[in-house]
């Protein structure tokens, strides 16, 4: 395994107030890029309903909504991250980077203990 395949998946739980983890962060990333909750969900192999549920959960979890939407019409609807949404996503991604840096020595030690498995299983 090389470092390019190494992933750290962090889920931050805020007691009874909810949580944010890799799935919600990816959904926010894709909404920002696609401009659509439905398109972001489709790219993730997620149903439209599930994507909307996750956005609703995040909007209710944080003091300020993280995603705003515009209704469909002649030009179609859309969605975008709010300023709060961009900040939440940036904070989560920064935490991931910092955790990877802080744990680099332990991760390297764990990797050194992995069994060598040939590509042809």
PDB file of N, CA and C in Angstrom:
ATOM      1  N   UNK A   1       0.855  -1.175   0.000  1.00  0.00           N
ATOM      2  CA  UNK A   1       0.000   0.000   0.000  1.00  0.00           C
ATOM      3  C   UNK A   1       0.895   1.231   0.000  1.00  0.00           C
ATOM      4  N   UNK A   2       0.624   2.141  -0.931  1.00  0.00           N
ATOM      5  CA  UNK A   2       1.393   3.379  -0.921  1.00  0.00           C
ATOM      6  C   UNK A   2       0.557   4.481  -0.282  1.00  0.00           C
ATOM      7  N   UNK A   3       1.194   5.610  -0.057  1.00  0.00           N
ATOM      8  CA  UNK A   3       0.514   6.705   0.635  1.00  0.00           C
ATOM      9  C   UNK A   3      -0.680   7.244  -0.138  1.00  0.00           C
ATOM     10  N   UNK A   4      -0.683   7.070  -1.465  1.00  0.00           N
ATOM     11  CA  UNK A   4      -1.799   7.582  -2.250  1.00  0.00           C
ATOM     12  C   UNK A   4      -3.090   6.816  -1.985  1.00  0.00           C
ATOM     13  N   UNK A   5      -2.990   5.591  -1.451  1.00  0.00           N
ATOM     14  CA  UNK A   5      -4.194   4.819  -1.166  1.00  0.00           C
ATOM     15  C   UNK A   5      -4.607   4.920   0.300  1.00  0.00           C
ATOM     16  N   UNK A   6      -3.801   5.594   1.090  1.00  0.00           N
ATOM     17  CA  UNK A   6      -4.100   5.760   2.503  1.00  0.00           C
ATOM     18  C   UNK A   6      -5.199   6.802   2.686  1.00  0.00           C
ATOM     19  N   UNK A   7      -6.209   6.458   3.463  1.00  0.00           N
ATOM     20  CA  UNK A   7      -7.300   7.389   3.756  1.00  0.00           C
ATOM     21  C   UNK A   7      -7.548   7.414   5.247  1.00  0.00           C
ATOM     22  N   UNK A   8      -7.865   8.570   5.744  1.00  0.00           N
ATOM     23  CA  UNK A   8      -8.266   8.721   7.132  1.00  0.00           C
ATOM     24  C   UNK A   8      -9.712   9.189   7.093  1.00  0.00           C
ATOM     25  N   UNK A   9     -10.610   8.417   7.680  1.00  0.00           N
ATOM     26  CA  UNK A   9     -12.040   8.755   7.657  1.00  0.00           C
ATOM     27  C   UNK A   9     -12.446   9.172   9.063  1.00  0.00           C
ATOM     28  N   UNK A  10     -12.743  10.443   9.212  1.00  0.00           N
ATOM     29  CA  UNK A  10     -13.046  11.004  10.521  1.00  0.00           C
ATOM     30  C   UNK A  10     -14.513  11.394  10.598  1.00  0.00           C
ATOM     31  N   UNK A  11     -15.150  10.962  11.662  1.00  0.00           N
ATOM     32  CA  UNK A  11     -16.537  11.342  11.944  1.00  0.00           C
ATOM     33  C   UNK A  11     -16.515  12.105  13.264  1.00  0.00           C
ATOM     34  N   UNK A  12     -17.024  13.315  13.244  1.00  0.00           N
ATOM     35  CA  UNK A  12     -17.081  14.143  14.442  1.00  0.00           C
ATOM     36  C   UNK A  12     -18.533  14.151  14.922  1.00  0.00           C
ATOM     37  N   UNK A  13     -18.737  13.664  16.141  1.00  0.00           N
ATOM     38  CA  UNK A  13     -20.072  13.586  16.718  1.00  0.00           C
ATOM     39  C   UNK A  13     -20.211  14.673  17.770  1.00  0.00           C
ATOM     40  N   UNK A  14     -21.284  15.423  17.674  1.00  0.00           N
ATOM     41  CA  UNK A  14     -21.554  16.522  18.599  1.00  0.00           C
ATOM     42  C   UNK A  14     -22.653  16.125  19.582  1.00  0.00           C
ATOM     43  N   UNK A  15     -22.431  15.054  20.322  1.00  0.00           N
ATOM     44  CA  UNK A  15     -23.430  14.578  21.282  1.00  0.00           C
ATOM     45  C   UNK A  15     -24.756  14.325  20.596  1.00  0.00           C
ATOM     46  N   UNK A  16     -25.807  14.877  21.158  1.00  0.00           N
ATOM     47  CA  UNK A  16     -27.150  14.711  20.597  1.00  0.00           C
ATOM     48  C   UNK A  16     -27.433  15.693  19.466  1.00  0.00           C
ATOM     49  N   UNK A  17     -26.465  16.551  19.144  1.00  0.00           N
ATOM     50  CA  UNK A  17     -26.689  17.609  18.148  1.00  0.00           C
ATOM     51  C   UNK A  17     -26.401  17.174  16.721  1.00  0.00           C
ATOM     52  N   UNK A  18     -25.829  15.997  16.547  1.00  0.00           N
ATOM     53  CA  UNK A  18     -25.567  15.509  15.201  1.00  0.00           C
ATOM     54  C   UNK A  18     -24.104  15.193  14.991  1.00  0.00           C
ATOM     55  N   UNK A  19     -23.774  14.950  13.723  1.00  0.00           N
ATOM     56  CA  UNK A  19     -22.397  14.630  13.385  1.00  0.00           C
ATOM     57  C   UNK A  19     -22.112  15.026  11.956  1.00  0.00           C
ATOM     58  N   UNK A  20     -20.818  15.155  11.690  1.00  0.00           N
ATOM     59  CA  UNK A  20     -20.356  15.369  10.320  1.00  0.00           C
ATOM     60  C   UNK A  20     -19.201  14.411  10.083  1.00  0.00           C
ATOM     61  N   UNK A  21     -19.207  13.830   8.906  1.00  0.00           N
ATOM     62  CA  UNK A  21     -18.171  12.875   8.554  1.00  0.00           C
ATOM     63  C   UNK A  21     -17.881  12.943   7.069  1.00  0.00           C
ATOM     64  N   UNK A  22     -17.196  11.936   6.561  1.00  0.00           N
ATOM     65  CA  UNK A  22     -16.769  11.974   5.167  1.00  0.00           C
ATOM     66  C   UNK A  22     -17.915  12.037   4.158  1.00  0.00           C
ATOM     67  N   UNK A  23     -19.022  11.372   4.445  1.00  0.00           N
ATOM     68  CA  UNK A  23     -20.145  11.384   3.506  1.00  0.00           C
ATOM     69  C   UNK A  23     -20.794  12.749   3.385  1.00  0.00           C
ATOM     70  N   UNK A  24     -21.064  13.371   4.507  1.00  0.00           N
ATOM     71  CA  UNK A  24     -21.674  14.707   4.477  1.00  0.00           C
ATOM     72  C   UNK A  24     -20.717  15.726   3.880  1.00  0.00           C
ATOM     73  N   UNK A  25     -19.422  15.599   4.195  1.00  0.00           N
ATOM     74  CA  UNK A  25     -18.437  16.517   3.624  1.00  0.00           C
ATOM     75  C   UNK A  25     -18.372  16.352   2.107  1.00  0.00           C
ATOM     76  N   UNK A  26     -18.385  15.114   1.640  1.00  0.00           N
ATOM     77  CA  UNK A  26     -18.369  14.877   0.196  1.00  0.00           C
ATOM     78  C   UNK A  26     -19.621  15.440  -0.466  1.00  0.00           C
ATOM     79  N   UNK A  27     -20.763  15.276   0.174  1.00  0.00           N
ATOM     80  CA  UNK A  27     -22.003  15.830  -0.368  1.00  0.00           C
ATOM     81  C   UNK A  27     -21.888  17.351  -0.483  1.00  0.00           C
ATOM     82  N   UNK A  28     -21.369  18.008   0.540  1.00  0.00           N
ATOM     83  CA  UNK A  28     -21.189  19.462   0.475  1.00  0.00           C
ATOM     84  C   UNK A  28     -20.228  19.848  -0.649  1.00  0.00           C
ATOM     85  N   UNK A  29     -19.120  19.116  -0.774  1.00  0.00           N
ATOM     86  CA  UNK A  29     -18.170  19.378  -1.866  1.00  0.00           C
ATOM     87  C   UNK A  29     -18.869  19.308  -3.219  1.00  0.00           C
ATOM     88  N   UNK A  30     -19.653  18.269  -3.404  1.00  0.00           N
ATOM     89  CA  UNK A  30     -20.307  18.060  -4.703  1.00  0.00           C
ATOM     90  C   UNK A  30     -21.428  19.066  -4.958  1.00  0.00           C
ATOM     91  N   UNK A  31     -22.154  19.455  -3.924  1.00  0.00           N
ATOM     92  CA  UNK A  31     -23.173  20.495  -4.094  1.00  0.00           C
ATOM     93  C   UNK A  31     -22.505  21.786  -4.546  1.00  0.00           C
ATOM     94  N   UNK A  32     -21.368  22.113  -3.924  1.00  0.00           N
ATOM     95  CA  UNK A  32     -20.643  23.331  -4.300  1.00  0.00           C
ATOM     96  C   UNK A  32     -20.220  23.265  -5.767  1.00  0.00           C
ATOM     97  N   UNK A  33     -19.786  22.096  -6.213  1.00  0.00           N
ATOM     98  CA  UNK A  33     -19.309  21.941  -7.587  1.00  0.00           C
ATOM     99  C   UNK A  33     -20.452  21.841  -8.595  1.00  0.00           C
ATOM    100  N   UNK A  34     -21.491  21.084  -8.249  1.00  0.00           N
ATOM    101  CA  UNK A  34     -22.582  20.809  -9.189  1.00  0.00           C
ATOM    102  C   UNK A  34     -23.653  21.902  -9.198  1.00  0.00           C
ATOM    103  N   UNK A  35     -23.814  22.583  -8.077  1.00  0.00           N
ATOM    104  CA  UNK A  35     -24.897  23.566  -7.980  1.00  0.00           C
ATOM    105  C   UNK A  35     -26.262  22.921  -7.847  1.00  0.00           C
ATOM    106  N   UNK A  36     -26.284  21.657  -7.408  1.00  0.00           N
ATOM    107  CA  UNK A  36     -27.539  20.920  -7.318  1.00  0.00           C
ATOM    108  C   UNK A  36     -27.407  19.806  -6.286  1.00  0.00           C
ATOM    109  N   UNK A  37     -28.409  19.703  -5.415  1.00  0.00           N
ATOM    110  CA  UNK A  37     -28.421  18.615  -4.439  1.00  0.00           C
ATOM    111  C   UNK A  37     -28.664  17.287  -5.153  1.00  0.00           C
ATOM    112  N   UNK A  38     -29.590  17.287  -6.101  1.00  0.00           N
ATOM    113  CA  UNK A  38     -29.907  16.052  -6.831  1.00  0.00           C
ATOM    114  C   UNK A  38     -28.697  15.550  -7.613  1.00  0.00           C
ATOM    115  N   UNK A  39     -28.014  16.435  -8.310  1.00  0.00           N
ATOM    116  CA  UNK A  39     -26.840  16.028  -9.099  1.00  0.00           C
ATOM    117  C   UNK A  39     -25.722  15.539  -8.188  1.00  0.00           C
ATOM    118  N   UNK A  40     -25.522  16.218  -7.069  1.00  0.00           N
ATOM    119  CA  UNK A  40     -24.490  15.796  -6.113  1.00  0.00           C
ATOM    120  C   UNK A  40     -24.802  14.396  -5.594  1.00  0.00           C
ATOM    121  N   UNK A  41     -26.053  14.161  -5.242  1.00  0.00           N
ATOM    122  CA  UNK A  41     -26.459  12.844  -4.767  1.00  0.00           C
ATOM    123  C   UNK A  41     -26.283  11.776  -5.831  1.00  0.00           C
ATOM    124  N   UNK A  42     -26.674  12.087  -7.068  1.00  0.00           N
ATOM    125  CA  UNK A  42     -26.510  11.122  -8.168  1.00  0.00           C
ATOM    126  C   UNK A  42     -25.050  10.729  -8.344  1.00  0.00           C
ATOM    127  N   UNK A  43     -24.156  11.711  -8.302  1.00  0.00           N
ATOM    128  CA  UNK A  43     -22.723  11.413  -8.444  1.00  0.00           C
ATOM    129  C   UNK A  43     -22.229  10.475  -7.354  1.00  0.00           C
ATOM    130  N   UNK A  44     -22.851  10.538  -6.185  1.00  0.00           N
ATOM    131  CA  UNK A  44     -22.443   9.697  -5.061  1.00  0.00           C
ATOM    132  C   UNK A  44     -23.196   8.366  -5.035  1.00  0.00           C
ATOM    133  N   UNK A  45     -24.108   8.151  -5.991  1.00  0.00           N
ATOM    134  CA  UNK A  45     -24.920   6.944  -5.993  1.00  0.00           C
ATOM    135  C   UNK A  45     -25.966   6.977  -4.893  1.00  0.00           C
ATOM    136  N   UNK A  46     -26.395   8.164  -4.543  1.00  0.00           N
ATOM    137  CA  UNK A  46     -27.326   8.381  -3.438  1.00  0.00           C
ATOM    138  C   UNK A  46     -28.669   8.821  -4.007  1.00  0.00           C
ATOM    139  N   UNK A  47     -29.739   8.380  -3.408  1.00  0.00           N
ATOM    140  CA  UNK A  47     -31.055   8.794  -3.883  1.00  0.00           C
ATOM    141  C   UNK A  47     -31.263  10.285  -3.616  1.00  0.00           C
ATOM    142  N   UNK A  48     -32.122  10.861  -4.426  1.00  0.00           N
ATOM    143  CA  UNK A  48     -32.488  12.268  -4.264  1.00  0.00           C
ATOM    144  C   UNK A  48     -33.004  12.509  -2.846  1.00  0.00           C
ATOM    145  N   UNK A  49     -33.848  11.610  -2.383  1.00  0.00           N
ATOM    146  CA  UNK A  49     -34.435  11.758  -1.044  1.00  0.00           C
ATOM    147  C   UNK A  49     -33.361  11.738   0.049  1.00  0.00           C
ATOM    148  N   UNK A  50     -32.419  10.807  -0.059  1.00  0.00           N
ATOM    149  CA  UNK A  50     -31.365  10.702   0.951  1.00  0.00           C
ATOM    150  C   UNK A  50     -30.482  11.948   0.954  1.00  0.00           C
ATOM    151  N   UNK A  51     -30.157  12.462  -0.212  1.00  0.00           N
ATOM    152  CA  UNK A  51     -29.348  13.684  -0.293  1.00  0.00           C
ATOM    153  C   UNK A  51     -30.079  14.839   0.376  1.00  0.00           C
ATOM    154  N   UNK A  52     -31.381  14.967   0.107  1.00  0.00           N
ATOM    155  CA  UNK A  52     -32.175  16.020   0.731  1.00  0.00           C
ATOM    156  C   UNK A  52     -32.248  15.842   2.242  1.00  0.00           C
ATOM    157  N   UNK A  53     -32.391  14.595   2.695  1.00  0.00           N
ATOM    158  CA  UNK A  53     -32.428  14.335   4.143  1.00  0.00           C
ATOM    159  C   UNK A  53     -31.129  14.767   4.814  1.00  0.00           C
ATOM    160  N   UNK A  54     -30.002  14.443   4.197  1.00  0.00           N
ATOM    161  CA  UNK A  54     -28.715  14.829   4.772  1.00  0.00           C
ATOM    162  C   UNK A  54     -28.549  16.344   4.808  1.00  0.00           C
ATOM    163  N   UNK A  55     -28.961  17.014   3.751  1.00  0.00           N
ATOM    164  CA  UNK A  55     -28.896  18.476   3.739  1.00  0.00           C
ATOM    165  C   UNK A  55     -29.799  19.045   4.822  1.00  0.00           C
ATOM    166  N   UNK A  56     -30.997  18.506   4.958  1.00  0.00           N
ATOM    167  CA  UNK A  56     -31.911  18.965   6.004  1.00  0.00           C
ATOM    168  C   UNK A  56     -31.335  18.758   7.396  1.00  0.00           C
ATOM    169  N   UNK A  57     -30.697  17.616   7.599  1.00  0.00           N
ATOM    170  CA  UNK A  57     -30.064  17.329   8.883  1.00  0.00           C
ATOM    171  C   UNK A  57     -28.969  18.339   9.182  1.00  0.00           C
ATOM    172  N   UNK A  58     -28.123  18.607   8.180  1.00  0.00           N
ATOM    173  CA  UNK A  58     -27.037  19.574   8.396  1.00  0.00           C
ATOM    174  C   UNK A  58     -27.573  20.986   8.597  1.00  0.00           C
ATOM    175  N   UNK A  59     -28.579  21.361   7.825  1.00  0.00           N
ATOM    176  CA  UNK A  59     -29.150  22.707   7.992  1.00  0.00           C
ATOM    177  C   UNK A  59     -29.752  22.881   9.383  1.00  0.00           C
ATOM    178  N   UNK A  60     -30.331  21.816   9.933  1.00  0.00           N
ATOM    179  CA  UNK A  60     -30.924  21.891  11.271  1.00  0.00           C
ATOM    180  C   UNK A  60     -29.858  21.789  12.365  1.00  0.00           C
ATOM    181  N   UNK A  61     -28.758  21.126  12.068  1.00  0.00           N
ATOM    182  CA  UNK A  61     -27.720  20.875  13.054  1.00  0.00           C
ATOM    183  C   UNK A  61     -26.917  22.130  13.389  1.00  0.00           C
ATOM    184  N   UNK A  62     -26.602  22.914  12.383  1.00  0.00           N
ATOM    185  CA  UNK A  62     -25.786  24.096  12.603  1.00  0.00           C
ATOM    186  C   UNK A  62     -26.665  25.324  12.827  1.00  0.00           C
ATOM    187  N   UNK A  63     -26.120  26.299  13.524  1.00  0.00           N
ATOM    188  CA  UNK A  63     -26.859  27.523  13.842  1.00  0.00           C
ATOM    189  C   UNK A  63     -27.365  28.208  12.575  1.00  0.00           C
ATOM    190  N   UNK A  64     -26.531  28.231  11.540  1.00  0.00           N
ATOM    191  CA  UNK A  64     -26.916  28.820  10.250  1.00  0.00           C
ATOM    192  C   UNK A  64     -26.974  27.712   9.207  1.00  0.00           C
ATOM    193  N   UNK A  65     -27.905  27.805   8.260  1.00  0.00           N
ATOM    194  CA  UNK A  65     -27.995  26.777   7.214  1.00  0.00           C
ATOM    195  C   UNK A  65     -26.682  26.668   6.443  1.00  0.00           C
ATOM    196  N   UNK A  66     -26.362  25.450   6.010  1.00  0.00           N
ATOM    197  CA  UNK A  66     -25.136  25.231   5.246  1.00  0.00           C
ATOM    198  C   UNK A  66     -25.393  25.176   3.745  1.00  0.00           C
ATOM    199  N   UNK A  67     -26.635  24.902   3.353  1.00  0.00           N
ATOM    200  CA  UNK A  67     -27.012  24.844   1.942  1.00  0.00           C
ATOM    201  C   UNK A  67     -28.272  25.669   1.746  1.00  0.00           C
ATOM    202  N   UNK A  68     -28.281  26.423   0.667  1.00  0.00           N
ATOM    203  CA  UNK A  68     -29.484  27.154   0.282  1.00  0.00           C
ATOM    204  C   UNK A  68     -29.905  26.646  -1.090  1.00  0.00           C
ATOM    205  N   UNK A  69     -31.178  26.719  -1.366  1.00  0.00           N
ATOM    206  CA  UNK A  69     -31.652  26.232  -2.664  1.00  0.00           C
ATOM    207  C   UNK A  69     -32.550  27.267  -3.316  1.00  0.00           C
ATOM    208  N   UNK A  70     -32.650  27.163  -4.636  1.00  0.00           N
ATOM    209  CA  UNK A  70     -33.582  27.994  -5.392  1.00  0.00           C
ATOM    210  C   UNK A  70     -34.559  27.058  -6.076  1.00  0.00           C
ATOM    211  N   UNK A  71     -35.790  27.457  -6.113  1.00  0.00           N
ATOM    212  CA  UNK A  71     -36.834  26.634  -6.726  1.00  0.00           C
ATOM    213  C   UNK A  71     -36.628  26.536  -8.227  1.00  0.00           C
ATOM    214  N   UNK A  72     -37.131  25.433  -8.763  1.00  0.00           N
ATOM    215  CA  UNK A  72     -37.068  25.230 -10.206  1.00  0.00           C
ATOM    216  C   UNK A  72     -37.941  26.238 -10.932  1.00  0.00           C
ATOM    217  N   UNK A  73     -37.792  26.305 -12.173  1.00  0.00           N
ATOM    218  CA  UNK A  73     -38.538  27.225 -13.022  1.00  0.00           C
ATOM    219  C   UNK A  73     -38.016  27.080 -14.426  1.00  0.00           C
ATOM    220  N   UNK A  74     -38.206  28.102 -15.239  1.00  0.00           N
ATOM    221  CA  UNK A  74     -37.724  28.012 -16.623  1.00  0.00           C
ATOM    222  C   UNK A  74     -36.227  27.696 -16.714  1.00  0.00           C
ATOM    223  N   UNK A  75     -35.420  28.267 -15.815  1.00  0.00           N
ATOM    224  CA  UNK A  75     -33.989  28.017 -15.831  1.00  0.00           C
ATOM    225  C   UNK A  75     -33.590  26.856 -14.949  1.00  0.00           C
ATOM    226  N   UNK A  76     -34.551  26.252 -14.252  1.00  0.00           N
ATOM    227  CA  UNK A  76     -34.258  25.164 -13.330  1.00  0.00           C
ATOM    228  C   UNK A  76     -33.845  25.690 -11.974  1.00  0.00           C
ATOM    229  N   UNK A  77     -33.915  24.846 -10.994  1.00  0.00           N
ATOM    230  CA  UNK A  77     -33.526  25.230  -9.642  1.00  0.00           C
ATOM    231  C   UNK A  77     -32.064  24.928  -9.406  1.00  0.00           C
ATOM    232  N   UNK A  78     -31.673  25.085  -8.194  1.00  0.00           N
ATOM    233  CA  UNK A  78     -30.282  24.805  -7.882  1.00  0.00           C
ATOM    234  C   UNK A  78     -30.042  24.868  -6.390  1.00  0.00           C
ATOM    235  N   UNK A  79     -28.810  24.683  -6.008  1.00  0.00           N
ATOM    236  CA  UNK A  79     -28.416  24.744  -4.606  1.00  0.00           C
ATOM    237  C   UNK A  79     -26.982  25.242  -4.538  1.00  0.00           C
ATOM    238  N   UNK A  80     -26.659  25.837  -3.416  1.00  0.00           N
ATOM    239  CA  UNK A  80     -25.304  26.348  -3.206  1.00  0.00           C
ATOM    240  C   UNK A  80     -24.985  26.295  -1.724  1.00  0.00           C
ATOM    241  N   UNK A  81     -23.710  26.226  -1.419  1.00  0.00           N
ATOM    242  CA  UNK A  81     -23.302  26.328  -0.024  1.00  0.00           C
ATOM    243  C   UNK A  81     -23.431  27.784   0.402  1.00  0.00           C
ATOM    244  N   UNK A  82     -23.905  27.970   1.607  1.00  0.00           N
ATOM    245  CA  UNK A  82     -23.931  29.310   2.186  1.00  0.00           C
ATOM    246  C   UNK A  82     -22.521  29.620   2.694  1.00  0.00           C
ATOM    247  N   UNK A  83     -22.316  30.825   3.162  1.00  0.00           N
ATOM    248  CA  UNK A  83     -21.035  31.169   3.775  1.00  0.00           C
ATOM    249  C   UNK A  83     -20.759  30.218   4.939  1.00  0.00           C
ATOM    250  N   UNK A  84     -21.794  29.948   5.750  1.00  0.00           N
ATOM    251  CA  UNK A  84     -21.640  29.015   6.866  1.00  0.00           C
ATOM    252  C   UNK A  84     -21.270  27.626   6.358  1.00  0.00           C
ATOM    253  N   UNK A  85     -21.868  27.196   5.264  1.00  0.00           N
ATOM    254  CA  UNK A  85     -21.565  25.891   4.684  1.00  0.00           C
ATOM    255  C   UNK A  85     -20.128  25.801   4.212  1.00  0.00           C
ATOM    256  N   UNK A  86     -19.648  26.858   3.565  1.00  0.00           N
ATOM    257  CA  UNK A  86     -18.253  26.871   3.121  1.00  0.00           C
ATOM    258  C   UNK A  86     -17.313  26.817   4.323  1.00  0.00           C
ATOM    259  N   UNK A  87     -17.675  27.524   5.395  1.00  0.00           N
ATOM    260  CA  UNK A  87     -16.842  27.525   6.601  1.00  0.00           C
ATOM    261  C   UNK A  87     -16.840  26.154   7.281  1.00  0.00           C
ATOM    262  N   UNK A  88     -18.012  25.538   7.407  1.00  0.00           N
ATOM    263  CA  UNK A  88     -18.109  24.210   8.024  1.00  0.00           C
ATOM    264  C   UNK A  88     -17.266  23.210   7.232  1.00  0.00           C
ATOM    265  N   UNK A  89     -17.404  23.225   5.913  1.00  0.00           N
ATOM    266  CA  UNK A  89     -16.642  22.300   5.070  1.00  0.00           C
ATOM    267  C   UNK A  89     -15.141  22.567   5.187  1.00  0.00           C
ATOM    268  N   UNK A  90     -14.743  23.817   5.170  1.00  0.00           N
ATOM    269  CA  UNK A  90     -13.318  24.152   5.290  1.00  0.00           C
ATOM    270  C   UNK A  90     -12.768  23.715   6.648  1.00  0.00           C
ATOM    271  N   UNK A  91     -13.523  23.905   7.704  1.00  0.00           N
ATOM    272  CA  UNK A  91     -13.078  23.487   9.037  1.00  0.00           C
ATOM    273  C   UNK A  91     -12.932  21.971   9.118  1.00  0.00           C
ATOM    274  N   UNK A  92     -13.885  21.247   8.562  1.00  0.00           N
ATOM    275  CA  UNK A  92     -13.811  19.787   8.568  1.00  0.00           C
ATOM    276  C   UNK A  92     -12.593  19.305   7.774  1.00  0.00           C
ATOM    277  N   UNK A  93     -12.400  19.859   6.573  1.00  0.00           N
ATOM    278  CA  UNK A  93     -11.258  19.444   5.745  1.00  0.00           C
ATOM    279  C   UNK A  93      -9.932  19.797   6.421  1.00  0.00           C
ATOM    280  N   UNK A  94      -9.863  20.944   7.078  1.00  0.00           N
ATOM    281  CA  UNK A  94      -8.644  21.328   7.804  1.00  0.00           C
ATOM    282  C   UNK A  94      -8.377  20.354   8.949  1.00  0.00           C
ATOM    283  N   UNK A  95      -9.434  19.950   9.647  1.00  0.00           N
ATOM    284  CA  UNK A  95      -9.290  18.982  10.730  1.00  0.00           C
ATOM    285  C   UNK A  95      -8.740  17.660  10.197  1.00  0.00           C
ATOM    286  N   UNK A  96      -9.266  17.205   9.051  1.00  0.00           N
ATOM    287  CA  UNK A  96      -8.760  15.977   8.429  1.00  0.00           C
ATOM    288  C   UNK A  96      -7.262  16.090   8.141  1.00  0.00           C
ATOM    289  N   UNK A  97      -6.856  17.199   7.524  1.00  0.00           N
ATOM    290  CA  UNK A  97      -5.436  17.389   7.193  1.00  0.00           C
ATOM    291  C   UNK A  97      -4.572  17.398   8.447  1.00  0.00           C
ATOM    292  N   UNK A  98      -5.016  18.127   9.461  1.00  0.00           N
ATOM    293  CA  UNK A  98      -4.240  18.222  10.699  1.00  0.00           C
ATOM    294  C   UNK A  98      -4.140  16.870  11.403  1.00  0.00           C
ATOM    295  N   UNK A  99      -5.219  16.104  11.384  1.00  0.00           N
ATOM    296  CA  UNK A  99      -5.191  14.781  12.009  1.00  0.00           C
ATOM    297  C   UNK A  99      -4.215  13.863  11.276  1.00  0.00           C
ATOM    298  N   UNK A 100      -4.194  13.944   9.957  1.00  0.00           N
ATOM    299  CA  UNK A 100      -3.270  13.124   9.162  1.00  0.00           C
ATOM    300  C   UNK A 100      -1.823  13.505   9.484  1.00  0.00           C
ATOM    301  N   UNK A 101      -1.556  14.781   9.595  1.00  0.00           N
ATOM    302  CA  UNK A 101      -0.194  15.239   9.911  1.00  0.00           C
ATOM    303  C   UNK A 101       0.186  14.805  11.323  1.00  0.00           C
ATOM    304  N   UNK A 102      -0.716  15.029  12.276  1.00  0.00           N
ATOM    305  CA  UNK A 102      -0.423  14.703  13.677  1.00  0.00           C
ATOM    306  C   UNK A 102      -0.218  13.208  13.884  1.00  0.00           C
ATOM    307  N   UNK A 103      -0.915  12.402  13.119  1.00  0.00           N
ATOM    308  CA  UNK A 103      -0.822  10.957  13.298  1.00  0.00           C
ATOM    309  C   UNK A 103       0.100  10.263  12.314  1.00  0.00           C
ATOM    310  N   UNK A 104       0.884  11.008  11.563  1.00  0.00           N
ATOM    311  CA  UNK A 104       1.722  10.430  10.504  1.00  0.00           C
ATOM    312  C   UNK A 104       2.654   9.342  11.031  1.00  0.00           C
ATOM    313  N   UNK A 105       3.266   9.570  12.181  1.00  0.00           N
ATOM    314  CA  UNK A 105       4.198   8.583  12.733  1.00  0.00           C
ATOM    315  C   UNK A 105       3.472   7.280  13.072  1.00  0.00           C
ATOM    316  N   UNK A 106       2.329   7.390  13.724  1.00  0.00           N
ATOM    317  CA  UNK A 106       1.567   6.189  14.094  1.00  0.00           C
ATOM    318  C   UNK A 106       1.025   5.483  12.848  1.00  0.00           C
ATOM    319  N   UNK A 107       0.584   6.256  11.861  1.00  0.00           N
ATOM    320  CA  UNK A 107       0.083   5.660  10.619  1.00  0.00           C
ATOM    321  C   UNK A 107       1.205   4.885   9.928  1.00  0.00           C
ATOM    322  N   UNK A 108       2.408   5.471   9.878  1.00  0.00           N
ATOM    323  CA  UNK A 108       3.556   4.793   9.264  1.00  0.00           C
ATOM    324  C   UNK A 108       3.877   3.495  10.006  1.00  0.00           C
ATOM    325  N   UNK A 109       3.800   3.530  11.328  1.00  0.00           N
ATOM    326  CA  UNK A 109       4.052   2.319  12.115  1.00  0.00           C
ATOM    327  C   UNK A 109       2.998   1.248  11.834  1.00  0.00           C
ATOM    328  N   UNK A 110       1.742   1.664  11.751  1.00  0.00           N
ATOM    329  CA  UNK A 110       0.685   0.700  11.425  1.00  0.00           C
ATOM    330  C   UNK A 110       0.905   0.113  10.035  1.00  0.00           C
ATOM    331  N   UNK A 111       1.242   0.975   9.075  1.00  0.00           N
ATOM    332  CA  UNK A 111       1.490   0.497   7.713  1.00  0.00           C
ATOM    333  C   UNK A 111       2.644  -0.496   7.681  1.00  0.00           C
ATOM    334  N   UNK A 112       3.677  -0.250   8.468  1.00  0.00           N
ATOM    335  CA  UNK A 112       4.839  -1.138   8.455  1.00  0.00           C
ATOM    336  C   UNK A 112       4.488  -2.529   8.979  1.00  0.00           C
ATOM    337  N   UNK A 113       3.381  -2.633   9.684  1.00  0.00           N
ATOM    338  CA  UNK A 113       2.967  -3.913  10.237  1.00  0.00           C
ATOM    339  C   UNK A 113       1.957  -4.660   9.347  1.00  0.00           C
ATOM    340  N   UNK A 114       1.588  -4.052   8.231  1.00  0.00           N
ATOM    341  CA  UNK A 114       0.636  -4.702   7.328  1.00  0.00           C
ATOM    342  C   UNK A 114       1.293  -5.893   6.640  1.00  0.00           C
ATOM    343  N   UNK A 115       0.508  -6.888   6.407  1.00  0.00           N
ATOM    344  CA  UNK A 115       0.968  -8.075   5.691  1.00  0.00           C
ATOM    345  C   UNK A 115       1.101  -7.727   4.208  1.00  0.00           C
ATOM    346  N   UNK A 116       2.154  -8.224   3.575  1.00  0.00           N
ATOM    347  CA  UNK A 116       2.315  -8.038   2.127  1.00  0.00           C
ATOM    348  C   UNK A 116       1.350  -8.986   1.422  1.00  0.00           C
ATOM    349  N   UNK A 117       0.487  -8.418   0.596  1.00  0.00           N
ATOM    350  CA  UNK A 117      -0.463  -9.221  -0.170  1.00  0.00           C
ATOM    351  C   UNK A 117      -0.196  -8.940  -1.637  1.00  0.00           C
ATOM    352  N   UNK A 118       0.125  -9.979  -2.404  1.00  0.00           N
ATOM    353  CA  UNK A 118       0.389  -9.761  -3.823  1.00  0.00           C
ATOM    354  C   UNK A 118      -0.860  -9.232  -4.543  1.00  0.00           C
ATOM    355  N   UNK A 119      -0.649  -8.513  -5.629  1.00  0.00           N
ATOM    356  CA  UNK A 119      -1.768  -7.974  -6.417  1.00  0.00           C
ATOM    357  C   UNK A 119      -2.688  -9.065  -6.928  1.00  0.00           C
ATOM    358  N   UNK A 120      -2.147 -10.227  -7.247  1.00  0.00           N
ATOM    359  CA  UNK A 120      -2.970 -11.340  -7.724  1.00  0.00           C
ATOM    360  C   UNK A 120      -3.403 -12.145  -6.512  1.00  0.00           C
ATOM    361  N   UNK A 121      -4.611 -11.945  -6.068  1.00  0.00           N
ATOM    362  CA  UNK A 121      -5.110 -12.623  -4.854  1.00  0.00           C
ATOM    363  C   UNK A 121      -5.575 -14.013  -5.163  1.00  0.00           C
TER     364      UNK A 121
END
